[in-house]
Protein backbone atom coordinates (compact mmCIF):
# COMPACT_ATOMS: atom_id res chain seq x y z
CA UNK A 1 8.28 -0.64 29.33
CA UNK A 2 10.53 2.16 27.98
CA UNK A 3 8.07 3.50 25.36
CA UNK A 4 4.35 4.05 24.92
CA UNK A 5 4.63 3.25 21.22
CA UNK A 6 7.21 1.92 18.76
CA UNK A 7 7.07 2.66 15.02
CA UNK A 8 8.43 0.08 12.57
CA UNK A 9 9.66 1.74 9.38
CA UNK A 10 11.95 1.37 6.39
CA UNK A 11 11.70 4.67 4.45
CA UNK A 12 12.81 7.52 6.76
CA UNK A 13 11.53 10.31 4.49
CA UNK A 14 7.98 8.92 4.62
CA UNK A 15 8.02 8.96 8.42
CA UNK A 16 9.01 12.59 9.00
CA UNK A 17 5.43 14.00 9.17
CA UNK A 18 4.32 11.26 11.58
CA UNK A 19 7.39 11.59 13.79
CA UNK A 20 6.89 15.36 13.88
CA UNK A 21 3.25 14.95 14.91
CA UNK A 22 4.16 12.44 17.63
CA UNK A 23 6.88 14.75 18.97
CA UNK A 24 4.56 17.76 18.86
CA UNK A 25 1.98 15.85 20.89
CA UNK A 26 4.55 14.74 23.47
CA UNK A 27 4.23 11.01 22.75
CA UNK A 28 7.05 8.83 24.11
CA UNK A 29 7.83 6.69 21.08
CA UNK A 30 10.63 4.46 19.85
CA UNK A 31 11.75 3.66 16.34
CA UNK A 32 12.86 0.42 14.71
CA UNK A 33 14.57 0.81 11.36
CA UNK A 34 13.74 -2.42 9.53
CA UNK A 35 16.67 -2.13 7.12
CA UNK A 36 19.14 -3.40 9.72
CA UNK A 37 18.30 -4.95 13.06
CA UNK A 38 17.87 -7.98 15.24
CA UNK A 39 15.45 -9.21 17.86
CA UNK A 40 15.37 -11.93 20.47
CA UNK A 41 11.95 -13.63 20.61
CA UNK A 42 12.70 -14.75 24.18
CA UNK A 43 12.41 -11.16 25.40
CA UNK A 44 9.01 -9.53 25.92
CA UNK A 45 8.00 -6.57 23.72
CA UNK A 46 9.42 -3.22 24.85
CA UNK A 47 6.09 -1.42 24.33
CA UNK A 48 2.42 -2.38 24.51
CA UNK A 49 1.75 -0.85 21.08
CA UNK A 50 3.58 -1.01 17.75
CA UNK A 51 2.72 0.72 14.48
CA UNK A 52 3.85 -1.09 11.35
CA UNK A 53 4.89 1.27 8.55
CA UNK A 54 6.81 -1.27 6.46
CA UNK A 55 6.34 -1.14 2.70
CA UNK A 56 6.28 -3.98 0.14
CA UNK A 57 8.27 -1.74 -2.21
CA UNK A 58 11.35 -1.87 0.05
CA UNK A 59 13.10 -4.13 -2.48
CA UNK A 60 12.98 -1.32 -5.05
CA UNK A 61 15.21 0.70 -2.72
CA UNK A 62 17.63 -2.19 -2.16
CA UNK A 63 16.02 -3.10 1.17
CA UNK A 64 14.59 -6.52 0.36
CA UNK A 65 15.58 -7.89 3.76
CA UNK A 66 13.36 -5.34 5.55
CA UNK A 67 10.14 -7.11 4.49
CA UNK A 68 10.92 -10.56 5.85
CA UNK A 69 12.44 -9.03 8.98
CA UNK A 70 9.30 -6.95 9.57
CA UNK A 71 6.99 -9.92 9.16
CA UNK A 72 9.00 -12.13 11.54
CA UNK A 73 9.33 -9.34 14.09
CA UNK A 74 5.60 -8.61 14.05
CA UNK A 75 4.70 -12.26 14.49
CA UNK A 76 7.03 -12.49 17.47
CA UNK A 77 5.61 -9.30 19.01
CA UNK A 78 2.05 -10.52 18.57
CA UNK A 79 2.84 -13.87 20.19
CA UNK A 80 4.48 -11.90 23.01
CA UNK A 81 1.24 -10.02 23.66
CA UNK A 82 1.87 -6.67 21.98
CA UNK A 83 -0.77 -4.94 19.89
CA UNK A 84 0.65 -4.36 16.41
CA UNK A 85 -1.32 -1.90 14.32
CA UNK A 86 -1.41 -3.16 10.73
CA UNK A 87 0.25 -6.30 12.03
CA UNK A 88 1.30 -9.55 10.38
CA UNK A 89 -2.16 -10.37 9.01
CA UNK A 90 -2.61 -6.98 7.37
CA UNK A 91 0.98 -6.91 6.10
CA UNK A 92 0.69 -10.41 4.62
CA UNK A 93 -2.36 -9.26 2.67
CA UNK A 94 -0.52 -6.20 1.39
CA UNK A 95 2.38 -8.40 0.24
CA UNK A 96 0.11 -10.53 -1.96
CA UNK A 97 -1.91 -9.01 -4.79
CA UNK A 98 -3.30 -12.47 -5.57
CA UNK A 99 -4.59 -12.75 -1.97
CA UNK A 100 -6.18 -9.32 -2.38
CA UNK A 101 -7.96 -10.53 -5.52
CA UNK A 102 -9.10 -13.69 -3.69
CA UNK A 103 -10.50 -11.59 -0.84
CA UNK A 104 -12.43 -9.41 -3.27
CA UNK A 105 -13.78 -12.49 -5.01
CA UNK A 106 -14.90 -13.94 -1.67
CA UNK A 107 -16.71 -10.69 -0.81
CA UNK A 108 -18.33 -10.33 -4.22
CA UNK A 109 -16.41 -7.12 -5.02
CA UNK A 110 -15.72 -6.46 -8.69
CA UNK A 111 -11.99 -6.57 -9.41
CA UNK A 112 -9.68 -7.21 -12.39
CA UNK A 113 -9.19 -10.75 -13.69
CA UNK A 114 -5.86 -11.94 -12.25
CA UNK A 115 -3.47 -14.83 -12.86
CA UNK A 116 -0.45 -15.40 -10.59
CA UNK A 117 2.50 -17.35 -12.02
CA UNK A 118 6.12 -18.37 -11.65
CA UNK A 119 6.47 -19.56 -15.25
CA UNK A 120 5.66 -17.50 -18.34
CA UNK A 121 4.34 -20.39 -20.43
CA UNK A 122 2.02 -21.48 -17.65
CA UNK A 123 0.82 -17.88 -17.34
CA UNK A 124 -0.02 -17.65 -21.03
CA UNK A 125 -1.89 -20.97 -20.96
CA UNK A 126 -4.02 -19.69 -18.09
CA UNK A 127 -4.44 -16.16 -19.45
CA UNK A 128 -5.71 -16.97 -22.91
CA UNK A 129 -6.36 -14.17 -25.39
CA UNK A 130 -7.21 -11.37 -22.94
CA UNK A 131 -5.02 -8.51 -24.12
CA UNK A 132 -3.97 -5.85 -23.28
CA UNK A 133 -2.95 -6.82 -19.77
CA UNK A 134 -0.89 -5.44 -16.94
CA UNK A 135 2.17 -7.27 -15.68
CA UNK A 136 2.64 -6.70 -11.96
CA UNK A 137 4.79 -8.14 -9.18
CA UNK A 138 2.92 -10.24 -6.64
CA UNK A 139 4.65 -8.17 -3.95
CA UNK A 140 3.85 -4.73 -5.29
CA UNK A 141 4.19 -1.24 -3.87
CA UNK A 142 4.79 2.26 -5.26
CA UNK A 143 3.77 1.14 -8.73
CA UNK A 144 7.11 -0.61 -9.18
CA UNK A 145 7.69 -2.93 -12.16
CA UNK A 146 4.24 -2.58 -13.72
CA UNK A 147 4.02 -2.84 -17.52
CA UNK A 148 1.16 -2.56 -20.00
CA UNK A 149 1.48 -5.45 -22.46
CA UNK A 150 -0.41 -6.10 -25.68
CA UNK A 151 0.55 -9.66 -26.61
CA UNK A 152 2.18 -12.91 -25.45
CA UNK A 153 5.31 -11.96 -27.40
CA UNK A 154 5.63 -8.75 -25.42
CA UNK A 155 5.47 -10.70 -22.16
CA UNK A 156 8.07 -13.24 -23.27
CA UNK A 157 10.39 -10.55 -24.64
CA UNK A 158 10.14 -8.38 -21.52
CA UNK A 159 10.98 -11.24 -19.16
CA UNK A 160 13.84 -12.33 -21.39
CA UNK A 161 15.34 -8.81 -21.45
CA UNK A 162 14.70 -8.03 -17.79
CA UNK A 163 14.94 -11.23 -15.72
CA UNK A 164 15.27 -9.06 -12.59
CA UNK A 165 11.52 -8.48 -12.83
CA UNK A 166 11.05 -11.87 -11.16
CA UNK A 167 12.50 -10.48 -7.95
CA UNK A 168 11.99 -10.44 -5.02
CA UNK A 169 9.88 -13.61 -4.78
CA UNK A 170 9.74 -15.00 -8.34
CA UNK A 171 5.99 -14.47 -8.49
CA UNK A 172 4.30 -12.22 -11.05
CA UNK A 173 0.74 -11.42 -12.07
CA UNK A 174 -1.09 -10.84 -15.29
CA UNK A 175 -4.02 -8.59 -14.52
CA UNK A 176 -6.87 -7.34 -16.66
CA UNK A 177 -6.41 -3.84 -18.01
CA UNK A 178 -9.53 -1.88 -17.07
CA UNK A 179 -10.23 1.07 -19.35
CA UNK A 180 -11.29 4.32 -17.68
CA UNK A 181 -11.38 8.08 -18.18
CA UNK A 182 -7.76 9.01 -17.44
CA UNK A 183 -8.68 12.68 -17.07
CA UNK A 184 -10.75 11.79 -13.97
CA UNK A 185 -8.12 9.41 -12.64
CA UNK A 186 -8.54 6.67 -10.08
CA UNK A 187 -10.09 7.01 -6.63
CA UNK A 188 -8.17 6.37 -3.43
CA UNK A 189 -9.86 6.26 -0.04
CA UNK A 190 -7.88 6.54 3.17
CA UNK A 191 -9.27 4.78 6.25
CA UNK A 192 -8.31 5.15 9.88
CA UNK A 193 -9.73 2.88 12.58
CA UNK A 194 -12.46 1.61 10.26
CA UNK A 195 -13.70 5.07 9.27
CA UNK A 196 -13.10 7.06 6.09
CA UNK A 197 -10.51 9.77 6.70
CA UNK A 198 -10.73 11.30 3.23
CA UNK A 199 -10.96 10.37 -0.43
CA UNK A 200 -9.12 11.77 -3.42
CA UNK A 201 -8.90 11.47 -7.16
CA UNK A 202 -5.45 10.70 -8.54
CA UNK A 203 -4.67 11.67 -12.14
CA UNK A 204 -1.56 9.78 -13.13
CA UNK A 205 -0.66 11.00 -16.64
CA UNK A 206 0.50 7.47 -17.41
CA UNK A 207 2.38 6.85 -14.16
CA UNK A 208 1.96 3.67 -12.15
CA UNK A 209 3.57 5.11 -9.00
CA UNK A 210 0.61 6.81 -7.31
CA UNK A 211 2.25 7.01 -3.89
CA UNK A 212 0.54 9.91 -2.08
CA UNK A 213 3.64 10.84 -0.08
CA UNK A 214 4.76 14.37 -0.90
CA UNK A 215 8.37 13.18 -1.05
CA UNK A 216 7.44 10.74 -3.84
CA UNK A 217 4.90 12.81 -5.75
CA UNK A 218 5.29 16.47 -4.82
CA UNK A 219 3.36 19.07 -6.79
CA UNK A 220 6.44 20.05 -8.80
CA UNK A 221 6.99 16.46 -9.93
CA UNK A 222 10.40 15.89 -8.32
CA UNK A 223 10.64 12.27 -7.08
CA UNK A 224 14.15 12.42 -5.61
CA UNK A 225 13.17 10.47 -2.48
CA UNK A 226 11.25 7.69 -4.27
CA UNK A 227 13.41 5.19 -6.12
CA UNK A 228 10.36 3.67 -7.81
CA UNK A 229 9.95 6.86 -9.83
CA UNK A 230 6.68 8.04 -11.29
CA UNK A 231 7.09 6.88 -14.89
CA UNK A 232 5.21 9.93 -16.15
CA UNK A 233 6.20 13.00 -18.11
CA UNK A 234 3.95 15.17 -15.95
CA UNK A 235 3.52 15.26 -12.18
CA UNK A 236 0.86 13.02 -10.70
CA UNK A 237 -2.07 15.14 -9.54
CA UNK A 238 -4.12 14.67 -6.37
CA UNK A 239 -7.54 16.23 -5.82
CA UNK A 240 -9.89 16.03 -2.82
CA UNK A 241 -13.00 13.97 -3.62
CA UNK A 242 -15.71 15.12 -1.25
CA UNK A 243 -18.64 13.68 -3.19
CA UNK A 244 -17.49 10.07 -3.00
CA UNK A 245 -20.48 7.65 -3.17
CA UNK A 246 -21.46 5.99 0.10
CA UNK A 247 -21.45 2.59 -1.61
CA UNK A 248 -17.77 2.96 -2.46
CA UNK A 249 -16.99 3.89 1.14
CA UNK A 250 -18.94 0.87 2.43
CA UNK A 251 -17.00 -1.45 0.13
CA UNK A 252 -13.68 0.04 1.18
CA UNK A 253 -14.55 -0.22 4.86
CA UNK A 254 -15.50 -3.87 4.40
CA UNK A 255 -12.14 -4.64 2.78
CA UNK A 256 -10.33 -2.90 5.61
CA UNK A 257 -12.30 -4.72 8.30
CA UNK A 258 -12.18 -8.22 6.86
CA UNK A 259 -8.59 -7.78 5.67
CA UNK A 260 -7.52 -6.91 9.21
CA UNK A 261 -6.22 -3.42 8.39
CA UNK A 262 -6.31 -0.63 10.98
CA UNK A 263 -4.95 2.10 8.70
CA UNK A 264 -4.78 1.98 4.93
CA UNK A 265 -5.79 3.02 1.46
CA UNK A 266 -8.21 1.34 -0.95
CA UNK A 267 -8.10 2.14 -4.67
CA UNK A 268 -10.68 1.66 -7.38
CA UNK A 269 -11.39 2.60 -10.99
CA UNK A 270 -14.65 4.02 -12.32
CA UNK A 271 -15.44 2.61 -15.76
CA UNK A 272 -17.32 4.40 -18.51
CA UNK A 273 -20.43 2.29 -17.88
CA UNK A 274 -20.55 3.23 -14.20
CA UNK A 275 -18.90 0.18 -12.59
CA UNK A 276 -16.46 0.43 -9.69
CA UNK A 277 -13.53 -1.96 -10.10
CA UNK A 278 -11.43 -2.30 -6.93
CA UNK A 279 -7.82 -3.28 -7.49
CA UNK A 280 -5.48 -2.37 -4.63
CA UNK A 281 -5.32 -2.64 -0.83
CA UNK A 282 -2.56 -0.64 0.86
CA UNK A 283 -1.69 -1.24 4.49
CA UNK A 284 1.20 1.23 4.46
CA UNK A 285 -0.73 4.44 3.89
CA UNK A 286 1.28 7.55 3.10
CA UNK A 287 -1.09 10.37 3.92
CA UNK A 288 -1.11 13.63 1.98
CA UNK A 289 -1.34 16.76 4.13
CA UNK A 290 -2.78 19.12 1.46
CA UNK A 291 -5.69 16.73 0.83
CA UNK A 292 -6.35 16.53 4.55
CA UNK A 293 -6.33 20.32 4.74
CA UNK A 294 -9.03 20.45 2.05
CA UNK A 295 -11.18 18.37 4.40
CA UNK A 296 -10.35 20.61 7.36
CA UNK A 297 -8.03 18.17 9.14
CA UNK A 298 -4.39 17.31 9.71
CA UNK A 299 -4.18 13.61 8.75
CA UNK A 300 -1.10 12.99 10.88
CA UNK A 301 -2.71 14.49 13.96
CA UNK A 302 -5.66 12.18 13.34
CA UNK A 303 -3.28 9.21 13.21
CA UNK A 304 -1.77 10.30 16.53
CA UNK A 305 -5.29 10.55 18.00
CA UNK A 306 -5.92 6.99 16.86
CA UNK A 307 -2.62 5.72 18.24
CA UNK A 308 -3.23 7.33 21.62
CA UNK A 309 -6.72 5.84 21.77
CA UNK A 310 -5.28 2.40 20.98
CA UNK A 311 -2.63 2.91 23.65
CA UNK A 312 -5.36 3.59 26.24
CA UNK A 313 -7.26 0.53 25.08
CA UNK A 314 -4.31 -1.85 25.50
CA UNK A 315 -3.16 -0.43 28.87
């Protein structure tokens, strides 16, 4: 086999820190750009280990075809005997916010009320009078195409004015708006190999794009490399959260394990009455180096450690 590891990716800017860490550590790795490619399922995998870094938000950048290509490629690789980190099972969960809600319901984890729909009238019949609500794409990512709505008329008018919101799969969600202290932000936990890597608070200033990548949400607020944009007047802020409750970590680890994720981020909201409401499972985890530094670690080096350990395990 020509490589020890192959990375599947779509957004080259996101991959630079990982590629640099792999090169620095002398890892022989290949790259598959999911935006344009082909594969022959008759041929065996070219490496024993693959690392999926595909993102559901590819369609926002005009790369809709990358998602279906990634999923088919991973399924073929898995059938061929390769180990795919964050493989087809994990990626399928990330592509479906309704499946994430169903998993949380099955595990007894508090989460926002959610209705998935392909017809606005059917959605309103199922939703009832539970406003305000968030409109989200079933295939989310990078906070793209999320709107806070206050009435049925707002939903109908928005979809009439912007029919492109139905893309890429003509499935949308209405999701309960959970009130919280915006000055404290939401909590995001990053997991690696089943263990908490670090946790952080994310103060959005009204943005829905909370992507931790420094090319999407740098400290100065420039989002030139992230087509989803931040949607905020002020830069999204990220703070290390070292006092995260053990119960929150246990819940996040359970979602990672049962969801089949090797690497990923779990997000939740803390309500004023002390509840934790979990709402997002991210298989494509863009790590943030300054947060890692606050915990005394280089997150990308830790990922390389994990990849090398997995490589030894599959050899």
